[in-house]
C-alpha atoms as a PDB file:
ATOM      1  CA  MET A   1    -137.490  12.738-135.688  1.00  0.00           C
ATOM      2  CA  PHE A   2    -141.209  12.401-135.088  1.00  0.00           C
ATOM      3  CA  THR A   3    -143.374  13.784-137.862  1.00  0.00           C
ATOM      4  CA  THR A   4    -146.795  12.582-136.757  1.00  0.00           C
ATOM      5  CA  ARG A   5    -148.887  12.263-133.624  1.00  0.00           C
ATOM      6  CA  ASP A   6    -149.738   8.582-134.076  1.00  0.00           C
ATOM      7  CA  ARG A   7    -147.861   5.423-134.956  1.00  0.00           C
ATOM      8  CA  PRO A   8    -149.210   2.155-136.384  1.00  0.00           C
ATOM      9  CA  VAL A   9    -149.518  -0.762-133.939  1.00  0.00           C
ATOM     10  CA  PRO A  10    -150.818  -4.279-134.549  1.00  0.00           C
ATOM     11  CA  SER A  11    -154.321  -4.912-133.206  1.00  0.00           C
ATOM     12  CA  ALA A  12    -156.900  -7.678-133.261  1.00  0.00           C
ATOM     13  CA  ARG A  13    -158.396  -6.289-136.497  1.00  0.00           C
ATOM     14  CA  GLY A  14    -155.193  -5.429-138.342  1.00  0.00           C
ATOM     15  CA  TRP A  15    -153.528  -2.105-137.566  1.00  0.00           C
ATOM     16  CA  SER A  16    -154.583   0.768-135.373  1.00  0.00           C
ATOM     17  CA  ALA A  17    -153.178   4.195-134.464  1.00  0.00           C
ATOM     18  CA  ALA A  18    -151.474   4.687-131.095  1.00  0.00           C
ATOM     19  CA  PRO A  19    -150.136   7.989-129.760  1.00  0.00           C
ATOM     20  CA  VAL A  20    -146.410   8.557-130.030  1.00  0.00           C
ATOM     21  CA  ARG A  21    -144.635   9.214-126.742  1.00  0.00           C
ATOM     22  CA  HIS A  22    -142.340  12.147-127.460  1.00  0.00           C
ATOM     23  CA  GLY A  23    -140.424  11.848-124.211  1.00  0.00           C
ATOM     24  CA  VAL A  24    -137.181  10.003-123.637  1.00  0.00           C
ATOM     25  CA  SER A  25    -137.329   6.655-121.870  1.00  0.00           C
ATOM     26  CA  THR A  26    -135.171   5.773-118.888  1.00  0.00           C
ATOM     27  CA  VAL A  27    -131.557   4.995-119.720  1.00  0.00           C
ATOM     28  CA  ARG A  28    -130.622   1.623-118.211  1.00  0.00           C
ATOM     29  CA  HIS A  29    -127.131   1.178-119.703  1.00  0.00           C
ATOM     30  CA  GLY A  30    -124.724   3.592-121.382  1.00  0.00           C
ATOM     31  CA  LEU A  31    -125.374   7.177-122.405  1.00  0.00           C
ATOM     32  CA  ARG A  32    -128.115   8.844-124.405  1.00  0.00           C
ATOM     33  CA  HIS A  33    -128.020  12.216-126.120  1.00  0.00           C
ATOM     34  CA  THR A  34    -131.261  13.923-127.100  1.00  0.00           C
ATOM     35  CA  LEU A  35    -132.213  16.980-129.097  1.00  0.00           C
ATOM     36  CA  GLY A  36    -135.687  18.482-128.917  1.00  0.00           C
ATOM     37  CA  LEU A  37    -136.997  20.678-131.732  1.00  0.00           C
ATOM     38  CA  VAL A  38    -140.398  22.324-131.439  1.00  0.00           C
ATOM     39  CA  PHE A  39    -142.065  23.448-134.651  1.00  0.00           C
ATOM     40  CA  HIS A  40    -145.176  25.575-134.323  1.00  0.00           C
ATOM     41  CA  ASP A  41    -146.788  28.682-135.695  1.00  0.00           C
ATOM     42  CA  ALA A  42    -145.886  31.388-133.182  1.00  0.00           C
ATOM     43  CA  ALA A  43    -147.374  34.235-135.196  1.00  0.00           C
END
């Protein structure tokens, strides 16, 4: 479950924020099951 837009990544000056890729990467071996939940204010 992804709760934020960014994730910490190591950088030259410590840590920096990088965007989270919310897609599913290519399956190279085996099977993968995914579930997508979208939370937003639809009102």
